[in-house]
Amino acid sequence: MQSKPVQKQPGNKRHGAIALLEFETIAAGILASDLMVKRSPIALLRCGTIHPGRFLILVGGSVASTQEAYAAGMRLGETERSLSDSVFLGDIHPTLHDAVLGTRRDLTGDALVVVETRSSPALLAAVDAAVKSTPVMLCEVRLGDDLGGHALALMSGDLSDAETALEICADRAGDRLLARTLLPRLDPDLRSLLDQGTRFGLCPAFEPATAEYPEEVACSWDV
């Protein structure tokens, strides 16, 4: 009887390097996953399908082992002509490492930066550069799932730092940047909602006391 893979909670262990590969076909992505874990002693942190019919592979480990596995995945992608995008981060920032694995942090500072890219590897490369160069707080990272294949990051901090982080992300993402926005002074009520995540289905209803409602009018079915 085969043992089940060990699952750990986000943040329990950090890897020195990570690599993320995005494949245009699921078949090629699964094959690449197999080749990569056989090639090098790395941790297969996550792998699976994302919209629209793509496959993501996230691996981590030492710099050498991760780079070796990454190279194997790259070669397979080139052979199959199915590699959409990829990134290797040999010295990933700790907050990005944790965010990729699901850790969320509350928004800090007055300003909010929202970055959306056309691919997940492009987002990681951009955000890693931004958080290494500025003291902004990385609050949330979402890769592919329920985003039509896009990737999303929220960062917060002082306005000047947020502006710099946004410029770095835009420059690093290049033509894979889909959208970006800067909110200089985030509404406190919206902040409390975003602290709980950006998924529509999980967002709690917020109805302030000052919210306006139409006057009640008798309807025919109430008579």
N, C-alpha and C. Protein backbone atom coordinates (compact mmCIF):
# COMPACT_ATOMS: atom_id res chain seq x y z
N MET A 1 0.84 -1.20 0.00
CA MET A 1 0.00 0.00 0.00
C MET A 1 0.88 1.25 0.00
N GLN A 2 0.61 2.14 -0.96
CA GLN A 2 1.45 3.34 -1.09
C GLN A 2 1.05 4.37 -0.04
N SER A 3 2.03 5.05 0.52
CA SER A 3 1.77 6.09 1.50
C SER A 3 1.34 7.36 0.79
N LYS A 4 0.53 8.16 1.49
CA LYS A 4 0.06 9.41 0.92
C LYS A 4 1.12 10.49 1.09
N PRO A 5 1.16 11.45 0.13
CA PRO A 5 2.12 12.55 0.26
C PRO A 5 1.89 13.33 1.54
N VAL A 6 2.97 13.79 2.14
CA VAL A 6 2.88 14.58 3.36
C VAL A 6 2.42 15.99 3.00
N GLN A 7 1.35 16.46 3.65
CA GLN A 7 0.83 17.80 3.42
C GLN A 7 1.15 18.67 4.63
N LYS A 8 1.71 19.83 4.36
CA LYS A 8 2.07 20.75 5.44
C LYS A 8 1.33 22.05 5.28
N GLN A 9 1.07 22.70 6.39
CA GLN A 9 0.40 23.99 6.36
C GLN A 9 1.35 25.04 5.83
N PRO A 10 0.81 26.08 5.09
CA PRO A 10 1.65 27.14 4.57
C PRO A 10 2.47 27.81 5.66
N GLY A 11 3.74 28.06 5.33
CA GLY A 11 4.59 28.81 6.25
C GLY A 11 5.37 27.94 7.22
N ASN A 12 5.11 26.63 7.29
CA ASN A 12 5.83 25.77 8.22
C ASN A 12 7.28 25.57 7.79
N LYS A 13 7.53 25.60 6.48
CA LYS A 13 8.88 25.38 5.98
C LYS A 13 9.07 26.20 4.72
N ARG A 14 10.16 26.92 4.67
CA ARG A 14 10.43 27.74 3.49
C ARG A 14 11.52 27.10 2.66
N HIS A 15 11.35 27.16 1.37
CA HIS A 15 12.32 26.61 0.43
C HIS A 15 13.21 27.74 -0.08
N GLY A 16 14.47 27.42 -0.30
CA GLY A 16 15.41 28.44 -0.75
C GLY A 16 15.10 28.97 -2.13
N ALA A 17 14.52 28.14 -2.96
CA ALA A 17 14.19 28.53 -4.33
C ALA A 17 12.87 27.89 -4.73
N ILE A 18 12.17 28.53 -5.63
CA ILE A 18 10.98 27.94 -6.21
C ILE A 18 10.98 28.17 -7.71
N ALA A 19 10.22 27.36 -8.41
CA ALA A 19 10.04 27.52 -9.85
C ALA A 19 8.58 27.28 -10.18
N LEU A 20 8.06 28.05 -11.10
CA LEU A 20 6.67 27.92 -11.53
C LEU A 20 6.63 27.83 -13.04
N LEU A 21 6.03 26.77 -13.54
CA LEU A 21 5.90 26.57 -14.98
C LEU A 21 4.43 26.48 -15.36
N GLU A 22 4.07 27.16 -16.43
CA GLU A 22 2.69 27.16 -16.90
C GLU A 22 2.66 26.55 -18.30
N PHE A 23 1.87 25.48 -18.44
CA PHE A 23 1.76 24.77 -19.71
C PHE A 23 0.42 25.02 -20.36
N GLU A 24 0.41 25.06 -21.69
CA GLU A 24 -0.81 25.31 -22.42
C GLU A 24 -1.70 24.08 -22.50
N THR A 25 -1.13 22.89 -22.28
CA THR A 25 -1.92 21.67 -22.31
C THR A 25 -1.75 20.91 -21.00
N ILE A 26 -2.80 20.26 -20.57
CA ILE A 26 -2.78 19.50 -19.32
C ILE A 26 -1.90 18.27 -19.46
N ALA A 27 -1.97 17.61 -20.60
CA ALA A 27 -1.18 16.39 -20.82
C ALA A 27 0.31 16.67 -20.66
N ALA A 28 0.77 17.76 -21.28
CA ALA A 28 2.19 18.11 -21.18
C ALA A 28 2.56 18.50 -19.76
N GLY A 29 1.66 19.18 -19.07
CA GLY A 29 1.94 19.60 -17.70
C GLY A 29 2.10 18.42 -16.75
N ILE A 30 1.25 17.41 -16.90
CA ILE A 30 1.35 16.24 -16.04
C ILE A 30 2.63 15.48 -16.34
N LEU A 31 2.96 15.37 -17.61
CA LEU A 31 4.21 14.69 -17.99
C LEU A 31 5.42 15.44 -17.43
N ALA A 32 5.40 16.75 -17.51
CA ALA A 32 6.51 17.54 -16.99
C ALA A 32 6.63 17.38 -15.48
N SER A 33 5.51 17.32 -14.78
CA SER A 33 5.53 17.12 -13.32
C SER A 33 6.24 15.83 -12.97
N ASP A 34 5.95 14.78 -13.71
CA ASP A 34 6.56 13.48 -13.46
C ASP A 34 8.06 13.52 -13.71
N LEU A 35 8.45 14.14 -14.81
CA LEU A 35 9.87 14.23 -15.14
C LEU A 35 10.63 15.05 -14.11
N MET A 36 10.03 16.12 -13.63
CA MET A 36 10.72 17.02 -12.71
C MET A 36 10.97 16.37 -11.34
N VAL A 37 9.96 15.67 -10.82
CA VAL A 37 10.15 15.06 -9.50
C VAL A 37 11.08 13.84 -9.57
N LYS A 38 11.18 13.24 -10.75
CA LYS A 38 12.11 12.12 -10.93
C LYS A 38 13.53 12.61 -11.16
N ARG A 39 13.64 13.80 -11.69
CA ARG A 39 14.95 14.34 -12.05
C ARG A 39 15.74 14.85 -10.85
N SER A 40 15.03 15.43 -9.88
CA SER A 40 15.72 16.12 -8.79
C SER A 40 14.94 15.99 -7.49
N PRO A 41 15.63 16.01 -6.33
CA PRO A 41 14.95 15.90 -5.03
C PRO A 41 14.29 17.22 -4.61
N ILE A 42 13.19 17.53 -5.27
CA ILE A 42 12.49 18.78 -4.98
C ILE A 42 11.12 18.47 -4.36
N ALA A 43 10.52 19.49 -3.80
CA ALA A 43 9.16 19.36 -3.27
C ALA A 43 8.18 19.82 -4.35
N LEU A 44 7.23 18.97 -4.67
CA LEU A 44 6.16 19.34 -5.59
C LEU A 44 5.10 20.05 -4.76
N LEU A 45 5.21 21.37 -4.69
CA LEU A 45 4.37 22.15 -3.78
C LEU A 45 2.92 22.18 -4.22
N ARG A 46 2.71 22.36 -5.51
CA ARG A 46 1.37 22.34 -6.06
C ARG A 46 1.44 22.06 -7.55
N CYS A 47 0.44 21.39 -8.06
CA CYS A 47 0.30 21.24 -9.51
C CYS A 47 -1.16 20.97 -9.80
N GLY A 48 -1.61 21.42 -10.97
CA GLY A 48 -3.01 21.19 -11.32
C GLY A 48 -3.47 22.12 -12.42
N THR A 49 -4.72 21.94 -12.79
CA THR A 49 -5.29 22.69 -13.90
C THR A 49 -5.76 24.08 -13.44
N ILE A 50 -5.68 25.02 -14.37
CA ILE A 50 -6.23 26.36 -14.18
C ILE A 50 -6.95 26.74 -15.47
N HIS A 51 -7.75 27.76 -15.41
CA HIS A 51 -8.41 28.25 -16.62
C HIS A 51 -7.37 28.91 -17.52
N PRO A 52 -7.55 28.89 -18.84
CA PRO A 52 -8.55 28.11 -19.57
C PRO A 52 -7.92 26.83 -20.13
N GLY A 53 -7.88 25.78 -19.36
CA GLY A 53 -7.31 24.51 -19.80
C GLY A 53 -5.80 24.46 -19.76
N ARG A 54 -5.18 25.21 -18.84
CA ARG A 54 -3.73 25.18 -18.69
C ARG A 54 -3.35 24.36 -17.46
N PHE A 55 -2.05 24.19 -17.26
CA PHE A 55 -1.56 23.38 -16.14
C PHE A 55 -0.39 24.10 -15.49
N LEU A 56 -0.46 24.27 -14.16
CA LEU A 56 0.59 24.94 -13.40
C LEU A 56 1.37 23.92 -12.57
N ILE A 57 2.69 24.13 -12.51
CA ILE A 57 3.55 23.30 -11.67
C ILE A 57 4.40 24.22 -10.79
N LEU A 58 4.28 24.04 -9.48
CA LEU A 58 5.07 24.82 -8.52
C LEU A 58 5.95 23.88 -7.73
N VAL A 59 7.26 24.08 -7.83
CA VAL A 59 8.20 23.22 -7.10
C VAL A 59 9.13 24.09 -6.27
N GLY A 60 9.71 23.48 -5.23
CA GLY A 60 10.64 24.20 -4.37
C GLY A 60 11.69 23.28 -3.80
N GLY A 61 12.78 23.87 -3.34
CA GLY A 61 13.87 23.10 -2.76
C GLY A 61 15.12 23.95 -2.68
N SER A 62 16.26 23.29 -2.68
CA SER A 62 17.52 24.04 -2.72
C SER A 62 17.65 24.68 -4.10
N VAL A 63 18.55 25.64 -4.20
CA VAL A 63 18.73 26.33 -5.48
C VAL A 63 19.12 25.34 -6.57
N ALA A 64 20.08 24.47 -6.27
CA ALA A 64 20.59 23.52 -7.27
C ALA A 64 19.52 22.53 -7.70
N SER A 65 18.83 21.93 -6.74
CA SER A 65 17.83 20.92 -7.09
C SER A 65 16.64 21.54 -7.82
N THR A 66 16.23 22.72 -7.41
CA THR A 66 15.10 23.38 -8.07
C THR A 66 15.47 23.79 -9.49
N GLN A 67 16.69 24.28 -9.66
CA GLN A 67 17.13 24.68 -10.99
C GLN A 67 17.22 23.48 -11.92
N GLU A 68 17.66 22.34 -11.39
CA GLU A 68 17.75 21.13 -12.22
C GLU A 68 16.36 20.66 -12.65
N ALA A 69 15.41 20.66 -11.72
CA ALA A 69 14.05 20.27 -12.05
C ALA A 69 13.42 21.25 -13.03
N TYR A 70 13.68 22.53 -12.81
CA TYR A 70 13.16 23.57 -13.70
C TYR A 70 13.67 23.38 -15.13
N ALA A 71 14.94 23.08 -15.26
CA ALA A 71 15.51 22.86 -16.58
C ALA A 71 14.87 21.66 -17.28
N ALA A 72 14.57 20.62 -16.51
CA ALA A 72 13.91 19.44 -17.09
C ALA A 72 12.52 19.79 -17.58
N GLY A 73 11.79 20.56 -16.80
CA GLY A 73 10.46 20.98 -17.22
C GLY A 73 10.50 21.89 -18.44
N MET A 74 11.49 22.77 -18.48
CA MET A 74 11.65 23.65 -19.63
C MET A 74 11.93 22.88 -20.90
N ARG A 75 12.79 21.88 -20.80
CA ARG A 75 13.12 21.08 -21.99
C ARG A 75 11.88 20.35 -22.50
N LEU A 76 11.10 19.79 -21.59
CA LEU A 76 9.88 19.10 -22.00
C LEU A 76 8.91 20.07 -22.67
N GLY A 77 8.79 21.25 -22.10
CA GLY A 77 7.90 22.25 -22.67
C GLY A 77 8.31 22.68 -24.06
N GLU A 78 9.62 22.80 -24.28
CA GLU A 78 10.11 23.17 -25.61
C GLU A 78 9.91 22.04 -26.60
N THR A 79 10.12 20.81 -26.14
CA THR A 79 9.92 19.65 -27.02
C THR A 79 8.46 19.52 -27.43
N GLU A 80 7.56 19.69 -26.47
CA GLU A 80 6.13 19.56 -26.72
C GLU A 80 5.51 20.86 -27.27
N ARG A 81 6.30 21.91 -27.29
CA ARG A 81 5.82 23.22 -27.73
C ARG A 81 4.56 23.63 -26.97
N SER A 82 4.63 23.44 -25.67
CA SER A 82 3.43 23.68 -24.86
C SER A 82 3.70 24.58 -23.65
N LEU A 83 4.92 25.06 -23.51
CA LEU A 83 5.24 25.91 -22.37
C LEU A 83 4.76 27.33 -22.63
N SER A 84 3.86 27.79 -21.78
CA SER A 84 3.30 29.13 -21.95
C SER A 84 4.16 30.20 -21.29
N ASP A 85 4.62 29.93 -20.07
CA ASP A 85 5.45 30.89 -19.34
C ASP A 85 6.12 30.17 -18.18
N SER A 86 7.16 30.75 -17.65
CA SER A 86 7.87 30.11 -16.53
C SER A 86 8.71 31.14 -15.79
N VAL A 87 9.05 30.79 -14.54
CA VAL A 87 9.93 31.65 -13.76
C VAL A 87 10.69 30.79 -12.76
N PHE A 88 11.95 31.12 -12.57
CA PHE A 88 12.78 30.49 -11.55
C PHE A 88 13.25 31.58 -10.61
N LEU A 89 12.97 31.41 -9.31
CA LEU A 89 13.37 32.39 -8.30
C LEU A 89 14.34 31.71 -7.35
N GLY A 90 15.62 31.98 -7.54
CA GLY A 90 16.65 31.32 -6.75
C GLY A 90 16.80 31.85 -5.35
N ASP A 91 16.22 33.02 -5.10
CA ASP A 91 16.29 33.62 -3.76
C ASP A 91 14.96 34.31 -3.49
N ILE A 92 13.90 33.54 -3.45
CA ILE A 92 12.55 34.10 -3.34
C ILE A 92 12.36 34.83 -2.02
N HIS A 93 11.66 35.95 -2.08
CA HIS A 93 11.38 36.71 -0.86
C HIS A 93 10.46 35.89 0.05
N PRO A 94 10.73 35.87 1.36
CA PRO A 94 9.93 35.04 2.28
C PRO A 94 8.43 35.31 2.23
N THR A 95 8.03 36.59 2.12
CA THR A 95 6.59 36.87 2.11
C THR A 95 5.93 36.37 0.83
N LEU A 96 6.65 36.39 -0.28
CA LEU A 96 6.10 35.86 -1.53
C LEU A 96 6.01 34.35 -1.45
N HIS A 97 7.03 33.72 -0.89
CA HIS A 97 7.01 32.26 -0.71
C HIS A 97 5.76 31.85 0.05
N ASP A 98 5.49 32.53 1.16
CA ASP A 98 4.35 32.17 1.99
C ASP A 98 3.03 32.50 1.31
N ALA A 99 2.99 33.62 0.59
CA ALA A 99 1.75 34.03 -0.08
C ALA A 99 1.36 33.04 -1.18
N VAL A 100 2.34 32.55 -1.90
CA VAL A 100 2.07 31.58 -2.97
C VAL A 100 1.46 30.31 -2.39
N LEU A 101 1.84 29.98 -1.17
CA LEU A 101 1.33 28.77 -0.53
C LEU A 101 0.06 29.03 0.29
N GLY A 102 -0.49 30.22 0.18
CA GLY A 102 -1.80 30.47 0.77
C GLY A 102 -1.86 31.39 1.96
N THR A 103 -0.72 31.91 2.43
CA THR A 103 -0.74 32.81 3.57
C THR A 103 -1.24 34.19 3.15
N ARG A 104 -2.18 34.74 3.91
CA ARG A 104 -2.69 36.09 3.67
C ARG A 104 -2.30 36.99 4.82
N ARG A 105 -2.06 38.25 4.51
CA ARG A 105 -1.73 39.24 5.54
C ARG A 105 -2.66 40.43 5.40
N ASP A 106 -2.97 41.06 6.53
CA ASP A 106 -3.84 42.22 6.50
C ASP A 106 -3.16 43.39 5.81
N LEU A 107 -3.96 44.23 5.18
CA LEU A 107 -3.45 45.42 4.51
C LEU A 107 -2.90 46.39 5.54
N THR A 108 -1.77 47.01 5.21
CA THR A 108 -1.15 48.01 6.09
C THR A 108 -0.89 49.27 5.29
N GLY A 109 -0.78 50.40 5.98
CA GLY A 109 -0.52 51.65 5.28
C GLY A 109 -1.78 52.17 4.61
N ASP A 110 -1.67 53.36 4.04
CA ASP A 110 -2.83 54.01 3.42
C ASP A 110 -3.11 53.53 2.01
N ALA A 111 -2.06 53.20 1.26
CA ALA A 111 -2.21 52.93 -0.17
C ALA A 111 -2.30 51.44 -0.48
N LEU A 112 -3.03 51.14 -1.54
CA LEU A 112 -3.18 49.76 -2.01
C LEU A 112 -2.75 49.65 -3.46
N VAL A 113 -1.96 48.63 -3.76
CA VAL A 113 -1.53 48.33 -5.12
C VAL A 113 -2.19 47.02 -5.55
N VAL A 114 -2.81 47.04 -6.73
CA VAL A 114 -3.41 45.84 -7.30
C VAL A 114 -2.72 45.57 -8.64
N VAL A 115 -2.17 44.39 -8.79
CA VAL A 115 -1.47 44.01 -10.03
C VAL A 115 -2.10 42.74 -10.58
N GLU A 116 -2.43 42.76 -11.86
CA GLU A 116 -3.03 41.60 -12.52
C GLU A 116 -2.23 41.30 -13.78
N THR A 117 -1.81 40.06 -13.95
CA THR A 117 -1.00 39.67 -15.10
C THR A 117 -1.70 38.57 -15.90
N ARG A 118 -1.22 38.38 -17.12
CA ARG A 118 -1.82 37.39 -18.00
C ARG A 118 -1.36 35.97 -17.69
N SER A 119 -0.29 35.85 -16.91
CA SER A 119 0.21 34.53 -16.53
C SER A 119 0.67 34.55 -15.09
N SER A 120 0.69 33.39 -14.46
CA SER A 120 1.11 33.29 -13.06
C SER A 120 2.62 33.49 -12.89
N PRO A 121 3.47 32.90 -13.75
CA PRO A 121 4.91 33.15 -13.60
C PRO A 121 5.26 34.63 -13.72
N ALA A 122 4.58 35.35 -14.60
CA ALA A 122 4.86 36.78 -14.76
C ALA A 122 4.56 37.54 -13.48
N LEU A 123 3.51 37.15 -12.77
CA LEU A 123 3.17 37.82 -11.52
C LEU A 123 4.24 37.57 -10.46
N LEU A 124 4.70 36.32 -10.35
CA LEU A 124 5.72 36.02 -9.34
C LEU A 124 7.00 36.80 -9.59
N ALA A 125 7.41 36.87 -10.84
CA ALA A 125 8.64 37.62 -11.16
C ALA A 125 8.49 39.09 -10.80
N ALA A 126 7.32 39.66 -11.11
CA ALA A 126 7.10 41.08 -10.85
C ALA A 126 7.01 41.38 -9.36
N VAL A 127 6.25 40.59 -8.65
CA VAL A 127 6.06 40.83 -7.22
C VAL A 127 7.34 40.59 -6.44
N ASP A 128 8.09 39.56 -6.81
CA ASP A 128 9.36 39.28 -6.12
C ASP A 128 10.29 40.48 -6.22
N ALA A 129 10.35 41.08 -7.39
CA ALA A 129 11.20 42.26 -7.58
C ALA A 129 10.69 43.44 -6.76
N ALA A 130 9.37 43.59 -6.69
CA ALA A 130 8.79 44.73 -5.98
C ALA A 130 9.01 44.64 -4.48
N VAL A 131 8.76 43.48 -3.89
CA VAL A 131 8.88 43.36 -2.43
C VAL A 131 10.34 43.33 -1.98
N LYS A 132 11.25 43.02 -2.89
CA LYS A 132 12.67 43.07 -2.55
C LYS A 132 13.22 44.49 -2.61
N SER A 133 12.54 45.36 -3.37
CA SER A 133 13.04 46.72 -3.58
C SER A 133 12.32 47.77 -2.75
N THR A 134 11.17 47.42 -2.19
CA THR A 134 10.39 48.39 -1.42
C THR A 134 9.86 47.72 -0.14
N PRO A 135 9.51 48.51 0.87
CA PRO A 135 8.98 47.93 2.12
C PRO A 135 7.47 47.71 2.11
N VAL A 136 6.87 47.53 0.93
CA VAL A 136 5.43 47.28 0.89
C VAL A 136 5.12 45.90 1.47
N MET A 137 3.89 45.73 1.93
CA MET A 137 3.45 44.46 2.47
C MET A 137 2.68 43.70 1.40
N LEU A 138 3.11 42.48 1.12
CA LEU A 138 2.39 41.62 0.18
C LEU A 138 1.25 40.96 0.95
N CYS A 139 0.05 41.25 0.54
CA CYS A 139 -1.12 40.81 1.32
C CYS A 139 -1.77 39.55 0.74
N GLU A 140 -1.81 39.44 -0.56
CA GLU A 140 -2.48 38.28 -1.16
C GLU A 140 -1.92 38.00 -2.55
N VAL A 141 -1.81 36.72 -2.89
CA VAL A 141 -1.42 36.28 -4.22
C VAL A 141 -2.39 35.19 -4.66
N ARG A 142 -2.91 35.33 -5.86
CA ARG A 142 -3.78 34.29 -6.43
C ARG A 142 -3.26 33.93 -7.81
N LEU A 143 -3.14 32.64 -8.06
CA LEU A 143 -2.57 32.16 -9.30
C LEU A 143 -3.57 31.31 -10.09
N GLY A 144 -4.15 31.91 -11.11
CA GLY A 144 -4.95 31.14 -12.07
C GLY A 144 -6.33 30.73 -11.65
N ASP A 145 -6.49 30.15 -10.49
CA ASP A 145 -7.78 29.59 -10.08
C ASP A 145 -8.87 30.67 -10.04
N ASP A 146 -9.98 30.41 -10.73
CA ASP A 146 -11.15 31.29 -10.74
C ASP A 146 -10.83 32.69 -11.26
N LEU A 147 -9.77 32.80 -12.03
CA LEU A 147 -9.38 34.11 -12.57
C LEU A 147 -9.22 34.07 -14.09
N GLY A 148 -9.74 33.03 -14.71
CA GLY A 148 -9.61 32.93 -16.16
C GLY A 148 -8.18 32.76 -16.62
N GLY A 149 -7.33 32.22 -15.74
CA GLY A 149 -5.93 32.04 -16.09
C GLY A 149 -5.05 33.22 -15.71
N HIS A 150 -5.66 34.30 -15.27
CA HIS A 150 -4.87 35.47 -14.85
C HIS A 150 -4.29 35.23 -13.46
N ALA A 151 -3.45 36.16 -13.01
CA ALA A 151 -2.87 36.10 -11.67
C ALA A 151 -3.01 37.46 -11.03
N LEU A 152 -3.15 37.46 -9.70
CA LEU A 152 -3.48 38.69 -8.98
C LEU A 152 -2.65 38.83 -7.72
N ALA A 153 -2.23 40.07 -7.43
CA ALA A 153 -1.51 40.35 -6.19
C ALA A 153 -1.99 41.67 -5.61
N LEU A 154 -2.09 41.71 -4.28
CA LEU A 154 -2.41 42.93 -3.54
C LEU A 154 -1.25 43.26 -2.63
N MET A 155 -0.79 44.51 -2.71
CA MET A 155 0.29 45.00 -1.85
C MET A 155 -0.14 46.32 -1.25
N SER A 156 0.32 46.59 -0.04
CA SER A 156 -0.07 47.84 0.61
C SER A 156 1.11 48.47 1.34
N GLY A 157 0.98 49.77 1.61
CA GLY A 157 2.04 50.48 2.30
C GLY A 157 1.87 51.98 2.15
N ASP A 158 2.93 52.72 2.43
CA ASP A 158 2.90 54.16 2.23
C ASP A 158 2.78 54.47 0.74
N LEU A 159 2.24 55.64 0.43
CA LEU A 159 1.96 55.99 -0.96
C LEU A 159 3.22 55.96 -1.83
N SER A 160 4.30 56.54 -1.35
CA SER A 160 5.52 56.59 -2.17
C SER A 160 6.06 55.18 -2.44
N ASP A 161 6.03 54.33 -1.44
CA ASP A 161 6.48 52.95 -1.61
C ASP A 161 5.56 52.19 -2.56
N ALA A 162 4.26 52.43 -2.43
CA ALA A 162 3.29 51.76 -3.29
C ALA A 162 3.49 52.17 -4.75
N GLU A 163 3.76 53.44 -4.98
CA GLU A 163 3.99 53.92 -6.34
C GLU A 163 5.22 53.25 -6.95
N THR A 164 6.28 53.16 -6.15
CA THR A 164 7.50 52.51 -6.64
C THR A 164 7.26 51.04 -6.93
N ALA A 165 6.54 50.35 -6.04
CA ALA A 165 6.25 48.93 -6.24
C ALA A 165 5.44 48.71 -7.51
N LEU A 166 4.50 49.60 -7.77
CA LEU A 166 3.67 49.48 -8.97
C LEU A 166 4.50 49.65 -10.23
N GLU A 167 5.41 50.61 -10.21
CA GLU A 167 6.29 50.83 -11.36
C GLU A 167 7.19 49.62 -11.62
N ILE A 168 7.71 49.04 -10.54
CA ILE A 168 8.57 47.87 -10.69
C ILE A 168 7.80 46.70 -11.27
N CYS A 169 6.59 46.48 -10.79
CA CYS A 169 5.77 45.38 -11.30
C CYS A 169 5.46 45.56 -12.79
N ALA A 170 5.10 46.77 -13.16
CA ALA A 170 4.77 47.04 -14.55
C ALA A 170 5.97 46.82 -15.46
N ASP A 171 7.13 47.28 -15.00
CA ASP A 171 8.35 47.12 -15.79
C ASP A 171 8.75 45.66 -15.92
N ARG A 172 8.64 44.91 -14.82
CA ARG A 172 9.06 43.51 -14.83
C ARG A 172 8.09 42.62 -15.61
N ALA A 173 6.79 42.90 -15.52
CA ALA A 173 5.80 42.07 -16.20
C ALA A 173 5.77 42.33 -17.70
N GLY A 174 6.10 43.53 -18.11
CA GLY A 174 6.14 43.84 -19.53
C GLY A 174 4.79 43.64 -20.20
N ASP A 175 4.80 42.97 -21.37
CA ASP A 175 3.55 42.78 -22.11
C ASP A 175 2.62 41.76 -21.47
N ARG A 176 3.06 41.12 -20.40
CA ARG A 176 2.17 40.19 -19.69
C ARG A 176 1.39 40.89 -18.57
N LEU A 177 1.61 42.18 -18.42
CA LEU A 177 0.82 42.96 -17.47
C LEU A 177 -0.57 43.19 -18.07
N LEU A 178 -1.59 42.77 -17.34
CA LEU A 178 -2.96 42.93 -17.81
C LEU A 178 -3.59 44.22 -17.29
N ALA A 179 -3.40 44.47 -16.01
CA ALA A 179 -3.97 45.68 -15.41
C ALA A 179 -3.23 46.01 -14.12
N ARG A 180 -3.30 47.28 -13.74
CA ARG A 180 -2.69 47.72 -12.48
C ARG A 180 -3.46 48.92 -11.98
N THR A 181 -3.51 49.07 -10.68
CA THR A 181 -4.18 50.23 -10.12
C THR A 181 -3.56 50.59 -8.78
N LEU A 182 -3.66 51.86 -8.44
CA LEU A 182 -3.14 52.37 -7.17
C LEU A 182 -4.24 53.15 -6.48
N LEU A 183 -4.57 52.77 -5.27
CA LEU A 183 -5.55 53.48 -4.45
C LEU A 183 -4.77 54.21 -3.36
N PRO A 184 -4.62 55.53 -3.48
CA PRO A 184 -3.80 56.29 -2.52
C PRO A 184 -4.31 56.24 -1.09
N ARG A 185 -5.63 56.23 -0.94
CA ARG A 185 -6.21 56.20 0.41
C ARG A 185 -7.41 55.25 0.38
N LEU A 186 -7.16 54.02 0.75
CA LEU A 186 -8.18 52.97 0.68
C LEU A 186 -9.29 53.20 1.71
N ASP A 187 -10.53 53.06 1.26
CA ASP A 187 -11.66 53.19 2.17
C ASP A 187 -11.55 52.14 3.28
N PRO A 188 -11.73 52.54 4.55
CA PRO A 188 -11.56 51.60 5.66
C PRO A 188 -12.54 50.43 5.63
N ASP A 189 -13.75 50.65 5.15
CA ASP A 189 -14.71 49.55 5.08
C ASP A 189 -14.30 48.54 4.01
N LEU A 190 -13.85 49.04 2.86
CA LEU A 190 -13.36 48.15 1.81
C LEU A 190 -12.12 47.41 2.28
N ARG A 191 -11.27 48.08 3.05
CA ARG A 191 -10.07 47.45 3.59
C ARG A 191 -10.45 46.23 4.43
N SER A 192 -11.46 46.38 5.28
CA SER A 192 -11.85 45.27 6.15
C SER A 192 -12.38 44.09 5.35
N LEU A 193 -13.01 44.35 4.22
CA LEU A 193 -13.50 43.27 3.36
C LEU A 193 -12.35 42.60 2.62
N LEU A 194 -11.42 43.39 2.09
CA LEU A 194 -10.29 42.83 1.35
C LEU A 194 -9.36 42.05 2.27
N ASP A 195 -9.33 42.41 3.54
CA ASP A 195 -8.51 41.65 4.50
C ASP A 195 -8.98 40.20 4.59
N GLN A 196 -10.21 39.95 4.20
CA GLN A 196 -10.76 38.60 4.26
C GLN A 196 -10.65 37.87 2.93
N GLY A 197 -10.08 38.55 1.90
CA GLY A 197 -9.87 37.90 0.62
C GLY A 197 -10.59 38.62 -0.50
N THR A 198 -10.25 38.25 -1.73
CA THR A 198 -10.81 38.91 -2.90
C THR A 198 -11.83 38.06 -3.65
N ARG A 199 -12.16 36.89 -3.14
CA ARG A 199 -13.13 36.02 -3.82
C ARG A 199 -14.55 36.52 -3.56
N PHE A 200 -15.31 36.64 -4.62
CA PHE A 200 -16.67 37.17 -4.54
C PHE A 200 -17.55 36.30 -3.64
N GLY A 201 -17.48 35.00 -3.81
CA GLY A 201 -18.34 34.10 -3.08
C GLY A 201 -18.10 34.08 -1.58
N LEU A 202 -16.90 34.48 -1.16
CA LEU A 202 -16.55 34.47 0.26
C LEU A 202 -16.66 35.83 0.91
N CYS A 203 -17.01 36.85 0.13
CA CYS A 203 -17.07 38.21 0.66
C CYS A 203 -18.33 38.39 1.51
N PRO A 204 -18.19 38.81 2.76
CA PRO A 204 -19.37 39.03 3.61
C PRO A 204 -20.10 40.31 3.20
N ALA A 205 -21.38 40.33 3.41
CA ALA A 205 -22.16 41.53 3.10
C ALA A 205 -21.82 42.64 4.09
N PHE A 206 -21.72 43.85 3.58
CA PHE A 206 -21.43 44.99 4.45
C PHE A 206 -22.49 46.05 4.22
N GLU A 207 -23.25 46.36 5.24
CA GLU A 207 -24.32 47.35 5.13
C GLU A 207 -24.16 48.38 6.25
N PRO A 208 -23.51 49.50 5.95
CA PRO A 208 -23.32 50.53 6.98
C PRO A 208 -24.64 51.16 7.39
N ALA A 209 -24.64 51.77 8.56
CA ALA A 209 -25.86 52.38 9.07
C ALA A 209 -26.36 53.50 8.18
N THR A 210 -25.44 54.11 7.41
CA THR A 210 -25.81 55.24 6.55
C THR A 210 -26.31 54.80 5.18
N ALA A 211 -26.34 53.49 4.93
CA ALA A 211 -26.78 53.01 3.62
C ALA A 211 -28.24 53.39 3.38
N GLU A 212 -28.54 53.85 2.17
CA GLU A 212 -29.89 54.28 1.85
C GLU A 212 -30.71 53.12 1.28
N TYR A 213 -31.96 53.08 1.66
CA TYR A 213 -32.88 52.07 1.16
C TYR A 213 -34.13 52.78 0.63
N PRO A 214 -34.75 52.24 -0.40
CA PRO A 214 -35.98 52.86 -0.91
C PRO A 214 -37.11 52.73 0.11
N GLU A 215 -37.99 53.70 0.10
CA GLU A 215 -39.13 53.64 1.00
C GLU A 215 -40.01 52.44 0.66
N GLU A 216 -40.56 51.85 1.69
CA GLU A 216 -41.41 50.69 1.47
C GLU A 216 -42.73 51.14 0.84
N VAL A 217 -43.06 50.48 -0.26
CA VAL A 217 -44.28 50.79 -0.99
C VAL A 217 -45.11 49.52 -1.06
N ALA A 218 -46.38 49.63 -0.78
CA ALA A 218 -47.25 48.46 -0.84
C ALA A 218 -47.30 47.90 -2.25
N CYS A 219 -47.13 46.59 -2.35
CA CYS A 219 -47.17 45.92 -3.64
C CYS A 219 -48.48 45.14 -3.77
N SER A 220 -48.86 44.85 -4.98
CA SER A 220 -50.12 44.17 -5.24
C SER A 220 -50.17 42.82 -4.55
N TRP A 221 -49.02 42.13 -4.48
CA TRP A 221 -49.05 40.80 -3.86
C TRP A 221 -49.07 40.84 -2.34
N ASP A 222 -48.90 42.08 -1.78
CA ASP A 222 -49.01 42.21 -0.33
C ASP A 222 -50.45 42.48 0.11
N VAL A 223 -51.31 42.82 -0.83
CA VAL A 223 -52.71 43.16 -0.50
C VAL A 223 -53.51 41.89 -0.24
